Protein backbone atom coordinates (compact mmCIF):
# COMPACT_ATOMS: atom_id res chain seq x y z
CA MET A 1 -18.84 68.01 83.05
CA LEU A 2 -20.18 71.46 83.86
CA LYS A 3 -23.79 71.31 85.50
CA VAL A 4 -26.28 74.58 85.26
CA MET A 5 -27.62 75.14 88.68
CA PRO A 6 -30.76 77.40 89.10
CA ASN A 7 -30.31 81.00 90.55
CA GLN A 8 -32.76 81.25 93.60
CA LYS A 9 -31.90 84.79 94.36
CA SER A 10 -33.91 86.10 91.23
CA VAL A 11 -36.88 84.20 92.52
CA THR A 12 -36.94 85.57 96.24
CA VAL A 13 -35.34 88.91 95.97
CA LEU A 14 -38.03 90.49 93.74
CA PRO A 15 -41.10 89.66 95.75
CA ARG A 16 -39.54 90.94 98.87
CA SER A 17 -38.60 94.14 97.10
CA ILE A 18 -42.33 94.49 95.76
CA VAL A 19 -43.66 94.09 99.66
CA ALA A 20 -41.08 96.65 100.77
CA ALA A 21 -42.16 99.06 98.12
CA ILE A 22 -45.81 98.48 98.85
CA GLY A 23 -45.30 99.05 102.59
CA CYS A 24 -43.37 102.19 101.96
CA ALA A 25 -46.23 103.23 99.62
CA SER A 26 -48.72 102.69 102.61
CA LEU A 27 -46.61 104.54 105.03
CA LEU A 28 -46.52 107.50 102.66
CA LEU A 29 -50.03 107.49 102.13
CA CYS A 30 -51.02 107.64 105.80
CA ALA A 31 -48.35 110.24 106.28
CA ALA A 32 -49.91 112.20 103.43
CA GLY A 33 -53.40 111.95 104.92
CA THR A 34 -52.17 113.21 108.27
CA VAL A 35 -50.50 116.15 106.59
CA ARG A 36 -53.58 116.86 104.56
CA ALA A 37 -55.78 116.98 107.61
CA ASP A 38 -53.57 118.91 109.66
CA ASP A 39 -52.90 121.57 107.16
CA ALA A 40 -55.55 121.39 104.52
CA SER A 41 -55.48 124.95 103.61
CA SER A 42 -51.63 124.76 102.76
CA ASP A 43 -51.10 124.43 98.86
CA ASP A 44 -47.10 124.58 98.78
CA LEU A 45 -45.01 122.46 96.49
CA PHE A 46 -44.25 119.83 99.24
CA SER A 47 -47.94 119.17 99.77
CA THR A 48 -48.35 118.66 96.16
CA ILE A 49 -45.72 116.00 95.77
CA PHE A 50 -46.71 114.05 98.83
CA SER A 51 -50.53 114.15 97.81
CA THR A 52 -52.41 110.97 97.03
CA TYR A 53 -52.06 111.23 93.33
CA GLY A 54 -48.19 112.09 93.44
CA ILE A 55 -47.74 108.94 95.68
CA THR A 56 -49.72 106.96 93.14
CA VAL A 57 -47.63 107.96 90.29
CA VAL A 58 -44.47 107.27 92.13
CA LEU A 59 -45.67 103.71 92.97
CA LEU A 60 -46.66 103.05 89.32
CA LEU A 61 -43.16 104.16 88.16
CA VAL A 62 -41.60 101.89 90.74
CA LEU A 63 -43.62 98.98 89.68
CA VAL A 64 -43.00 99.32 85.88
CA GLY A 65 -39.28 99.63 86.61
CA LEU A 66 -39.38 96.35 88.59
CA ILE A 67 -41.11 94.72 85.97
CA VAL A 68 -38.75 95.68 83.21
CA PHE A 69 -35.78 94.75 85.45
CA LYS A 70 -37.19 91.39 85.89
CA LYS A 71 -37.56 90.86 82.22
CA ILE A 72 -33.89 92.06 81.45
CA ARG A 73 -32.67 89.75 84.20
CA ALA A 74 -34.45 86.79 82.85
CA LYS A 75 -33.05 87.21 79.23
CA LYS A 76 -29.56 87.25 80.41
CA GLU A 77 -30.13 84.19 82.61
CA ALA A 78 -31.55 82.51 79.50
CA ALA A 79 -28.51 83.41 77.55
CA GLU A 80 -25.92 82.31 80.21
CA PHE A 81 -27.92 78.87 80.18
CA GLU A 82 -27.68 78.50 76.48
CA SER A 83 -24.01 79.37 76.65
CA ALA A 84 -23.32 76.85 79.48
CA LYS A 85 -25.38 74.11 77.62
CA GLN A 86 -23.46 74.56 74.41
CA GLN A 87 -20.00 74.37 76.36
CA THR A 88 -21.07 71.11 78.01
CA ARG A 89 -21.85 69.57 74.35
CA THR A 90 -18.56 70.70 73.17
CA SER A 91 -16.82 69.15 76.01
CA ARG A 92 -18.71 65.81 75.50
CA LEU A 93 -17.60 65.90 71.98
CA ALA A 94 -13.97 66.55 72.86
CA THR A 95 -13.97 63.58 75.34
CA ARG A 96 -15.38 61.30 72.58
CA SER A 97 -12.96 62.53 70.03
CA SER A 98 -9.98 62.03 72.56
CA THR A 99 -10.78 58.25 72.69
CA ALA A 100 -11.62 57.40 68.96
CA PRO A 101 -8.62 58.75 67.16
CA GLU A 102 -6.31 56.01 68.79
CA ALA A 103 -7.35 53.70 65.83
CA GLU A 104 -7.38 56.03 63.00
CA PRO A 105 -3.68 56.86 62.63
CA ARG A 106 -2.72 53.25 63.02
CA GLU A 107 -1.87 52.97 59.18
CA PRO A 108 0.97 55.83 59.55
CA ILE A 109 2.14 54.35 62.91
CA MET A 110 2.49 51.01 61.20
CA ALA A 111 4.40 52.81 58.14
CA ASP A 112 6.74 54.33 60.79
CA GLU A 113 7.29 50.99 62.44
CA ARG A 114 8.09 49.30 59.04
CA ARG A 115 10.42 52.26 58.22
CA ALA A 116 12.19 51.59 61.62
CA ARG A 117 12.62 48.07 60.98
CA VAL A 118 13.86 48.56 57.43
CA GLU A 119 16.53 50.94 59.10
CA ALA A 120 17.41 48.59 61.62
CA VAL A 121 18.15 45.87 59.19
CA GLN A 122 20.19 48.33 57.17
CA GLN A 123 21.91 49.26 60.06
CA TRP A 124 22.49 45.55 61.10
CA GLU A 125 23.90 44.92 57.38
CA ASN A 126 26.12 47.85 57.68
CA PRO A 127 27.14 47.92 61.35
CA GLN A 128 30.26 49.94 60.89
CA PRO A 129 30.17 53.19 62.87
CA ALA A 130 30.40 56.52 61.31
CA SER A 131 33.84 57.02 62.47
CA GLU A 132 35.18 54.07 60.58
CA ALA A 133 34.46 55.29 57.00
CA SER A 134 37.91 54.36 55.86
CA VAL A 135 40.17 51.83 57.77
CA TYR A 136 42.91 51.06 55.27
CA GLY A 137 42.73 53.68 52.58
CA ALA A 138 42.43 53.29 48.88
CA TYR A 139 46.10 52.61 48.16
CA ARG A 140 46.39 49.70 50.45
CA ILE A 141 43.40 48.22 49.11
CA ASP A 142 44.30 48.72 45.53
CA GLN A 143 47.47 46.59 46.41
CA GLU A 144 45.60 43.94 47.87
CA VAL A 145 43.13 43.86 45.08
CA GLY A 146 46.07 43.47 42.80
CA ARG A 147 47.46 40.46 44.49
CA LEU A 148 44.15 38.84 44.58
CA VAL A 149 43.74 39.40 40.70
CA LEU A 150 47.24 37.70 40.06
CA GLY A 151 46.44 34.69 42.45
CA LYS A 152 48.98 35.72 44.92
CA PRO A 153 48.36 35.71 48.85
CA HIS A 154 46.35 38.62 50.21
CA ARG A 155 45.15 40.22 53.43
CA MET A 156 41.50 38.96 53.90
CA ASP A 157 40.92 41.56 56.64
CA VAL A 158 41.64 44.29 54.24
CA MET A 159 39.22 42.70 51.72
CA ALA A 160 36.65 42.09 54.16
CA SER A 161 36.67 45.70 55.76
CA ARG A 162 33.29 47.12 56.80
CA GLY A 163 34.26 50.77 56.36
CA THR A 164 32.25 52.65 54.06
CA ASP A 165 34.91 54.09 51.99
CA ASP A 166 36.85 50.89 52.14
CA ARG A 167 33.88 48.77 50.78
CA ARG A 168 33.30 51.32 48.06
CA ALA A 169 36.90 51.39 47.04
CA ILE A 170 37.05 47.33 47.06
CA GLU A 171 34.11 47.05 44.79
CA SER A 172 35.35 49.58 42.45
CA SER A 173 38.65 48.10 42.19
CA LEU A 174 37.39 44.48 41.53
CA VAL A 175 34.82 45.79 38.78
CA LYS A 176 37.83 47.87 37.26
CA ALA A 177 40.03 44.56 37.15
CA LEU A 178 37.06 42.60 35.34
CA ASP A 179 37.46 45.18 32.27
CA GLY A 180 41.29 45.40 32.27
CA PHE A 181 43.05 45.07 28.98
CA ASP A 182 45.24 42.33 30.29
CA ALA A 183 42.39 40.55 31.96
CA THR A 184 42.08 36.95 31.14
CA GLU A 185 39.47 34.32 31.82
CA GLU A 186 41.28 33.14 34.87
CA THR A 187 41.73 36.49 36.47
CA ARG A 188 38.00 37.27 35.67
CA GLY A 189 37.04 34.10 37.59
CA ARG A 190 38.92 35.10 40.49
CA VAL A 191 37.35 38.64 40.46
CA ARG A 192 33.75 37.28 40.21
CA ARG A 193 34.63 34.90 43.07
CA ALA A 194 35.83 37.70 45.29
CA LEU A 195 32.92 39.80 44.46
CA GLU A 196 30.56 37.06 45.36
CA GLU A 197 32.55 35.80 48.53
CA TYR A 198 32.77 39.28 50.01
CA GLY A 199 29.15 39.98 49.45
CA PHE A 200 29.14 42.74 46.85
CA VAL A 201 26.97 40.55 44.55
CA ALA A 202 24.55 39.73 47.28
CA ARG A 203 24.38 43.57 48.12
CA GLN A 204 23.88 44.76 44.50
CA SER A 205 21.12 42.01 44.38
CA ALA A 206 19.35 43.39 47.32
CA THR A 207 19.52 46.91 46.21
CA LEU A 208 18.20 45.93 42.90
CA LEU A 209 14.94 44.53 44.56
CA LEU A 210 14.73 46.92 47.53
CA GLY A 211 16.23 49.97 46.26
CA ARG A 212 14.21 53.02 47.31
CA ASP A 213 14.25 54.98 43.85
CA ALA A 214 14.61 53.78 40.21
CA TRP A 215 18.01 55.30 39.74
CA GLU A 216 19.42 53.13 42.59
CA ARG A 217 17.69 49.89 41.29
CA SER A 218 18.85 50.32 37.58
CA SER A 219 22.53 51.27 38.76
CA ALA A 220 22.36 48.03 40.70
CA ALA A 221 21.22 46.11 37.55
CA ARG A 222 24.04 47.66 35.38
CA MET A 223 26.54 46.76 38.03
CA LEU A 224 25.37 43.00 37.94
CA GLY A 225 25.68 43.13 34.43
CA GLN A 226 29.14 43.95 34.53
CA ILE A 227 30.13 41.40 37.06
CA CYS A 228 28.29 38.80 35.02
CA SER A 229 27.98 36.43 38.09
CA GLN A 230 25.45 33.31 37.70
CA ALA A 231 24.31 33.95 41.13
CA SER A 232 22.47 37.38 40.19
CA LEU A 233 20.55 35.47 37.56
CA PRO A 234 17.23 35.02 39.69
CA PHE A 235 17.48 38.55 41.06
CA LEU A 236 17.64 40.08 37.47
CA ILE A 237 14.70 37.86 36.51
CA GLU A 238 12.74 39.29 39.36
CA ALA A 239 13.80 42.77 38.40
CA LEU A 240 12.06 42.07 34.88
CA HIS A 241 8.83 42.90 36.85
CA ASP A 242 9.92 46.22 38.35
CA GLY A 243 7.28 49.09 38.09
CA ASP A 244 9.69 51.28 36.63
CA SER A 245 10.53 50.75 32.79
CA VAL A 246 14.19 52.01 33.13
CA VAL A 247 15.04 49.32 35.68
CA ARG A 248 13.34 46.74 33.46
CA ASN A 249 15.28 47.61 30.38
CA GLN A 250 18.42 47.49 32.28
CA ALA A 251 17.72 44.41 33.85
CA ILE A 252 17.19 42.86 30.25
CA ALA A 253 20.58 44.30 29.06
CA SER A 254 22.23 42.59 32.00
CA LEU A 255 20.66 39.35 31.32
CA GLY A 256 22.11 39.63 27.85
CA ALA A 257 25.49 40.07 29.30
CA LEU A 258 25.08 36.79 31.43
CA LYS A 259 24.13 35.00 28.27
CA THR A 260 22.08 32.39 30.05
CA PRO A 261 19.49 30.34 28.22
CA SER A 262 17.43 29.61 31.26
CA ALA A 263 16.49 33.50 31.08
CA ILE A 264 14.76 33.00 27.72
CA GLY A 265 11.39 31.91 29.15
CA ALA A 266 11.22 35.06 31.34
CA LEU A 267 12.43 37.25 28.57
CA LEU A 268 9.45 35.99 26.45
CA ASP A 269 7.05 36.48 29.08
CA ILE A 270 7.89 40.02 29.96
CA ALA A 271 7.92 41.03 26.22
CA ARG A 272 4.21 39.89 26.23
CA ARG A 273 3.47 41.59 29.30
CA HIS A 274 5.15 45.01 28.50
CA PRO A 275 4.97 45.78 24.64
CA ASP A 276 6.79 49.18 25.33
CA ILE A 277 10.23 47.27 25.65
CA PRO A 278 12.55 48.30 22.73
CA ALA A 279 12.43 45.68 20.13
CA SER A 280 16.20 46.03 19.51
CA LEU A 281 17.28 45.72 23.05
CA LEU A 282 14.76 42.53 23.48
CA SER A 283 16.14 40.92 20.18
CA GLU A 284 19.84 41.39 21.22
CA THR A 285 19.21 39.80 24.62
CA LEU A 286 17.39 36.98 23.17
CA SER A 287 20.06 36.46 20.58
CA ALA A 288 22.83 36.61 23.21
CA CYS A 289 20.97 34.23 25.48
CA SER A 290 20.03 31.65 22.82
CA VAL A 291 22.68 31.79 20.08
CA GLU A 292 25.74 33.46 21.77
CA SER A 293 25.23 31.91 25.13
CA LEU A 294 27.65 29.09 24.53
CA GLY A 295 28.19 28.00 28.12
CA TYR A 296 27.85 24.34 26.97
CA LEU A 297 31.31 24.75 25.39
CA ASP A 298 32.82 24.72 29.01
CA SER A 299 31.67 21.12 29.57
CA LEU A 300 34.20 18.42 29.18
CA SER A 301 34.74 16.43 25.99
CA SER A 302 36.42 13.03 25.49
CA GLU A 303 40.21 13.11 25.74
CA PRO A 304 41.89 12.59 22.22
CA SER A 305 44.95 10.96 21.32
CA MET A 306 45.60 13.35 18.60
CA ILE A 307 46.30 16.65 20.38
CA GLY A 308 49.30 17.21 22.39
CA ASP A 309 50.92 13.80 22.04
CA GLY A 310 53.55 15.10 19.62
CA ARG A 311 52.14 13.31 16.51
CA SER A 312 51.95 15.36 13.36
CA GLY A 313 48.73 13.82 11.94
CA ASP A 314 49.21 13.84 8.23
CA ASP A 315 45.88 12.80 6.89
CA LEU A 316 42.26 12.44 7.96
CA ARG A 317 42.75 9.29 9.79
CA ASP A 318 43.95 11.55 12.71
CA LEU A 319 40.24 12.73 12.96
CA GLN A 320 38.76 9.12 13.12
CA THR A 321 39.55 8.52 16.69
CA PHE A 322 35.98 8.62 17.87
CA LYS A 323 34.12 5.84 19.27
CA SER A 324 31.49 3.42 17.46
CA PHE A 325 28.23 5.06 18.37
CA GLU A 326 25.09 2.96 19.01
CA ASP A 327 22.47 3.79 16.38
CA LEU A 328 19.03 3.97 17.46
CA PRO A 329 16.43 1.32 16.68
CA ALA A 330 14.60 1.76 13.44
CA GLY A 331 11.18 1.87 15.13
CA GLN A 332 9.47 -0.04 12.26
CA GLU A 333 7.55 -2.28 14.54
CA ASP A 334 6.31 0.32 16.87
CA GLN A 335 2.54 0.78 15.92
CA ALA A 336 2.14 3.65 18.28
CA LEU A 337 5.04 5.52 16.56
CA THR A 338 3.29 4.90 13.11
CA GLU A 339 -0.13 6.30 14.40
CA ILE A 340 1.75 9.49 15.67
CA LEU A 341 3.62 9.87 12.29
CA THR A 342 0.32 9.82 10.41
CA LYS A 343 -0.92 13.00 12.67
CA LEU A 344 2.18 15.12 11.12
CA GLU A 345 0.27 15.32 7.93
CA ASP A 346 -2.52 17.14 9.92
CA ARG A 347 -3.12 20.80 8.43
CA ASP A 348 -3.71 22.12 12.01
CA GLU A 349 -0.65 23.69 13.37
CA GLN A 350 -1.76 22.73 17.15
CA GLY A 351 -2.45 19.03 16.11
CA ARG A 352 1.02 18.91 14.40
CA ALA A 353 2.76 20.39 17.53
CA GLN A 354 1.13 17.87 19.93
CA ALA A 355 2.19 15.04 17.61
CA VAL A 356 5.72 16.42 17.75
CA GLN A 357 5.73 16.50 21.54
CA GLN A 358 4.64 12.77 21.57
CA LEU A 359 7.53 11.78 19.01
CA GLY A 360 9.83 13.06 21.71
CA LEU A 361 9.01 10.17 23.73
CA HIS A 362 9.95 7.59 20.95
CA ALA A 363 13.83 7.27 20.83
CA ALA A 364 13.83 5.68 17.21
CA GLN A 365 15.38 6.49 13.68
CA ARG A 366 12.03 7.21 12.32
CA SER A 367 11.38 9.84 15.08
CA VAL A 368 14.63 11.63 14.52
CA SER A 369 14.10 11.74 10.85
CA ALA A 370 10.67 13.04 11.02
CA LEU A 371 11.44 15.44 13.77
CA SER A 372 14.53 16.69 11.74
CA SER A 373 12.43 17.43 8.68
CA LEU A 374 9.92 19.46 10.79
CA ALA A 375 12.68 21.29 12.64
CA LEU A 376 14.13 22.53 9.49
CA ASN A 377 11.28 22.72 6.84
CA ASP A 378 7.87 23.35 8.61
CA ALA A 379 6.08 26.65 7.79
CA ASP A 380 4.89 27.25 11.32
CA SER A 381 7.65 28.46 13.86
CA SER A 382 5.99 26.98 16.82
CA VAL A 383 5.89 23.37 15.28
CA ARG A 384 9.59 23.91 14.43
CA ALA A 385 10.33 24.91 17.94
CA ALA A 386 8.48 22.06 19.18
CA ALA A 387 10.36 19.77 17.06
CA VAL A 388 13.72 21.08 18.11
CA SER A 389 12.66 20.55 21.69
CA SER A 390 11.73 17.01 21.04
CA LEU A 391 14.98 16.37 19.46
CA GLY A 392 16.68 17.63 22.72
CA ALA A 393 14.46 15.15 24.66
CA ILE A 394 15.73 12.28 22.56
CA ASP A 395 19.30 13.44 23.43
CA HIS A 396 21.29 11.17 20.83
CA GLU A 397 24.21 11.94 18.50
CA SER A 398 21.94 11.95 15.29
CA VAL A 399 20.01 14.97 16.58
CA PHE A 400 23.19 17.14 16.89
CA ALA A 401 22.93 18.49 13.13
CA PRO A 402 19.37 19.59 13.10
CA VAL A 403 19.71 21.27 16.47
CA LEU A 404 22.80 23.07 15.33
CA ILE A 405 20.98 24.31 12.31
CA ALA A 406 17.97 25.29 14.35
CA LEU A 407 20.33 27.85 16.17
CA ALA A 408 20.37 29.93 13.07
CA ASP A 409 16.46 29.90 12.31
CA GLU A 410 14.88 33.25 11.62
CA SER A 411 12.42 32.67 14.37
CA ARG A 412 13.19 33.88 17.84
CA GLY A 413 11.23 31.04 19.54
CA VAL A 414 13.08 28.35 17.39
CA ARG A 415 16.49 29.73 18.30
CA ALA A 416 15.43 29.63 22.02
CA ALA A 417 14.22 26.18 21.76
CA ALA A 418 17.74 25.27 20.16
CA ALA A 419 19.64 27.03 22.57
CA ARG A 420 17.59 24.95 25.41
CA SER A 421 18.17 21.68 23.60
CA LEU A 422 21.87 22.28 23.06
CA THR A 423 22.68 22.83 26.76
CA SER A 424 20.56 19.67 27.61
CA LEU A 425 22.62 17.30 25.50
CA HIS A 426 24.81 14.88 27.22
CA PHE A 427 26.97 13.26 24.61
CA ASP A 428 30.50 14.20 23.54
CA ARG A 429 30.23 17.22 21.06
CA ALA A 430 33.88 16.77 19.65
CA ASP A 431 32.63 13.27 18.57
CA ALA A 432 29.51 14.32 17.42
CA TYR A 433 31.12 16.88 15.01
CA LEU A 434 33.03 14.15 13.52
CA ARG A 435 29.76 11.94 13.16
CA VAL A 436 28.35 14.73 11.13
CA MET A 437 31.36 14.78 8.94
CA GLU A 438 31.07 10.98 8.29
CA SER A 439 27.10 10.43 8.36
CA THR A 440 25.73 13.35 6.63
CA ASP A 441 25.63 14.67 3.21
CA LYS A 442 27.51 17.68 1.85
CA GLN A 443 24.58 20.02 2.00
CA THR A 444 23.57 19.18 5.65
CA MET A 445 27.39 19.54 6.59
CA ARG A 446 27.53 22.97 5.00
CA GLU A 447 24.38 24.06 6.71
CA VAL A 448 25.85 22.99 10.01
CA ALA A 449 28.89 24.83 9.31
CA GLN A 450 27.30 27.93 8.28
CA ALA A 451 25.19 27.93 11.42
CA CYS A 452 28.14 27.57 13.74
CA ILE A 453 29.58 30.44 11.97
CA LYS A 454 26.48 32.68 11.92
CA THR A 455 25.69 31.93 15.65
CA GLY A 456 29.14 32.76 17.08
CA ILE A 457 30.16 29.13 17.87
CA VAL A 458 33.23 29.48 15.83
CA ALA A 459 34.32 32.85 16.95
CA GLN A 460 34.29 31.54 20.61
CA THR A 461 35.91 28.30 19.77
CA VAL A 462 38.94 29.60 17.84
CA ASN A 463 40.85 30.68 21.25
CA ARG A 464 40.62 27.03 22.33
CA LEU A 465 42.59 25.47 19.47
CA ALA A 466 45.70 26.12 21.61
CA SER A 467 43.98 25.54 24.87
CA GLU A 468 46.08 23.72 27.60
CA ASP A 469 42.94 21.87 28.30
CA ARG A 470 43.06 18.88 25.90
CA HIS A 471 39.42 18.40 25.80
CA GLN A 472 38.69 21.76 24.69
CA ALA A 473 41.51 21.87 22.28
CA TYR A 474 40.09 18.50 20.71
CA GLU A 475 36.65 19.95 20.48
CA ALA A 476 37.72 23.30 18.74
CA PHE A 477 39.83 20.87 16.34
CA SER A 478 37.00 18.89 15.46
CA LEU A 479 34.89 21.70 14.73
CA PHE A 480 37.43 23.66 12.57
CA SER A 481 37.81 20.39 10.64
CA LEU A 482 34.13 20.26 10.07
CA LEU A 483 34.34 23.79 8.53
CA ALA A 484 37.25 22.91 6.17
CA ARG A 485 35.39 19.59 5.14
CA ALA A 486 32.23 21.70 4.46
CA GLY A 487 34.25 24.25 2.39
CA GLU A 488 33.69 27.11 5.01
CA THR A 489 37.48 27.76 5.30
CA GLN A 490 37.21 31.53 5.53
CA PRO A 491 37.31 31.58 9.64
CA ILE A 492 40.25 29.30 9.24
CA LEU A 493 42.18 31.56 7.00
CA ASP A 494 41.12 34.70 9.17
CA ALA A 495 42.47 33.01 12.21
CA ILE A 496 45.69 32.29 10.54
CA ARG A 497 45.92 36.16 9.14
CA ASN A 498 44.68 37.93 12.06
CA HIS A 499 44.77 36.19 15.39
CA ARG A 500 47.20 37.64 18.05
CA ASP A 501 48.25 34.24 19.34
CA ASP A 502 50.76 32.46 17.18
CA GLU A 503 49.85 29.09 18.85
CA VAL A 504 46.21 29.47 17.68
CA ARG A 505 47.54 30.25 14.03
CA LEU A 506 49.63 27.07 14.01
CA CYS A 507 46.72 25.08 15.08
CA ALA A 508 44.66 26.63 12.24
CA VAL A 509 47.57 25.75 9.82
CA ARG A 510 47.35 22.28 10.92
CA VAL A 511 43.51 22.14 10.31
CA LEU A 512 44.45 22.95 6.78
CA SER A 513 47.15 20.38 6.72
CA VAL A 514 44.74 17.63 7.74
CA ALA A 515 41.86 18.68 5.63
CA ALA A 516 44.27 18.68 2.52
CA LEU A 517 41.98 20.39 0.15
CA PRO A 518 43.75 21.11 -3.02
CA GLU A 519 41.60 24.09 -3.90
CA LEU A 520 42.96 26.01 -1.05
CA ALA A 521 46.43 26.24 -2.62
CA PRO A 522 46.02 29.74 -3.84
CA LYS A 523 44.69 31.26 -0.62
CA VAL A 524 47.67 29.53 1.24
CA ARG A 525 49.89 31.14 -1.30
CA GLU A 526 48.50 34.47 -0.50
CA LEU A 527 48.90 33.94 3.08
CA VAL A 528 52.63 33.11 2.57
CA ALA A 529 53.21 36.41 0.89
CA ALA A 530 51.48 38.29 3.52
CA ALA A 531 53.72 40.57 5.49
CA GLU A 532 51.99 40.20 8.83
CA ILE A 533 52.53 36.43 8.94
CA PRO A 534 55.09 35.39 11.58
CA GLU A 535 57.93 33.35 10.55
CA SER A 536 56.83 30.23 12.40
CA VAL A 537 53.68 30.39 10.78
CA ARG A 538 54.91 31.06 7.48
CA THR A 539 57.08 28.04 7.70
CA ALA A 540 54.13 25.84 8.61
CA LEU A 541 52.27 27.33 5.56
CA LEU A 542 54.86 26.61 3.09
CA GLU A 543 54.79 22.83 4.48
CA VAL A 544 51.00 22.66 3.92
CA LEU A 545 51.60 24.25 0.44
CA TYR A 546 54.11 21.80 -0.60
CA LYS A 547 51.77 18.91 0.54
CA LEU A 548 48.83 20.32 -1.59
CA ASP A 549 51.17 20.72 -4.72
CA GLN A 550 51.95 17.11 -4.17
CA GLU A 551 48.50 15.96 -4.01
CA GLN A 552 47.26 17.73 -7.46
CA PRO A 553 48.65 17.14 -10.93
CA ILE A 554 51.17 19.50 -12.18
CA PHE A 555 49.88 19.49 -15.72
CA ASP A 556 46.37 19.00 -16.73
CA LEU A 557 46.59 17.79 -20.22
CA ALA A 558 43.67 16.65 -22.55
CA PRO A 559 43.68 13.01 -23.91
CA ASP A 560 44.64 14.18 -27.42
CA ASP A 561 47.73 16.03 -26.14
CA ASN A 562 48.90 12.88 -24.42
CA VAL A 563 50.92 11.65 -27.37
CA PRO A 564 54.56 10.30 -27.54
CA VAL A 565 57.12 12.80 -28.21
CA SER A 566 60.30 11.76 -29.84
CA LEU A 567 63.50 13.80 -29.55
CA HIS A 568 66.18 13.53 -32.41
CA ASN A 569 69.17 15.49 -33.89
CA SER A 570 68.55 16.90 -37.22
């Protein structure tokens, strides 16, 4: 720190100058008096200058000059002092500011540290050096992916390559194999497992949540929708809360591709939070998750004795192979159930909904009957949805028909509840279809059949008629038999006419043979005459047509026309 020291020269030098000036003036006065006494008569210029008056004037001028010099010097010293003081103050402020800013830029430093950590994690996830961008090449990778898709042995070191270009080529080849024209469910399953095992699904899921920009996150969501891996479900649900609308909409579309009923709750919640979501996109996704999401078809059914054992099944007795069901108790003596049933007459929707939820705890015939009526006929959609959920909680074969009908309800919430209930039922569906045929009236059977057609269950089940899995084939045959018994035969006829698999066509013909509906004879004749029908299918149709002709009268005569006729020769 700069210290200002006093200048003592200005204090001592000036008095000495004054004393010297006074001494010189005294000597001059003495000299002038001597000169004046010696030569008083002389009046020249020298005597005039060194006279008493001249010396006095000179002394006065010297004193005035010294005073002026002192004031000027004092002003300069004051200016120098103020300048030094200002520099001292500035240096102090600079010293303080040099210690304080260490805490201010802490946030940018933390941001830099966080960015460095993220880059370190990304480098750890992708540890390959820049020089190994491609190790095996696209041609070798395409060969190994082809072997994997066909189920042949393949090089795991090639599929697990960490080269940047190799990883990109492997992922694109696998995704391309998913959409190939010759792809089957078996090959798609292999491809999805490979995408999961080699980390591509995990990488896209991480990018979906941690991507730096919206385009990167939306691309990851679209890729997960193409892969259709159930492992990506929680990440897509989390992406519904993304701050960018493009990412949210793409996540919704990808959830529709997954067709998972467990996503319905999150979709309904995000629809309330973000009213700007396109209604068509949300409705299509909810329909895919609640109606077309038929993952429950993949579960096992009871093994039938009528499929694949070589028997021809000439009548409906082939369908009566299901076990005897245990009926629910009637519940007539349950007083608590009676009190709950009385609450169903409440005009308040909330009161009825609470009563409906309580009915789900009573597994009785009276509960199923009341809940079925509410699920199909109540004016309030929330009450219908609650009734369907309670039917699913009872989990008995008798709830199967109303739950199926609720799948085609006009309310989105009711369809969602029906989808959740349908996936939670644990009884055998093939036998449940047959129970609907045997225990319900014609109208209920028709409503069930129409709901199965409308919701896409029939469209997804038709391929399983000729499945090598006997369980799936039995369930599909039971469903199509229900369609035939209900009079909804158009899907069966369409399968015979248009399906590309002849085995499926033959199974559909067998359904008509088992149903043996005489009113189908004209439509069967049209199929026989169709040019696109293969010969094997045409032969099977002719057998069905012969059977139908045998079961209906050849002539429909009125009673008056039924009189004896005698033939004689005239």
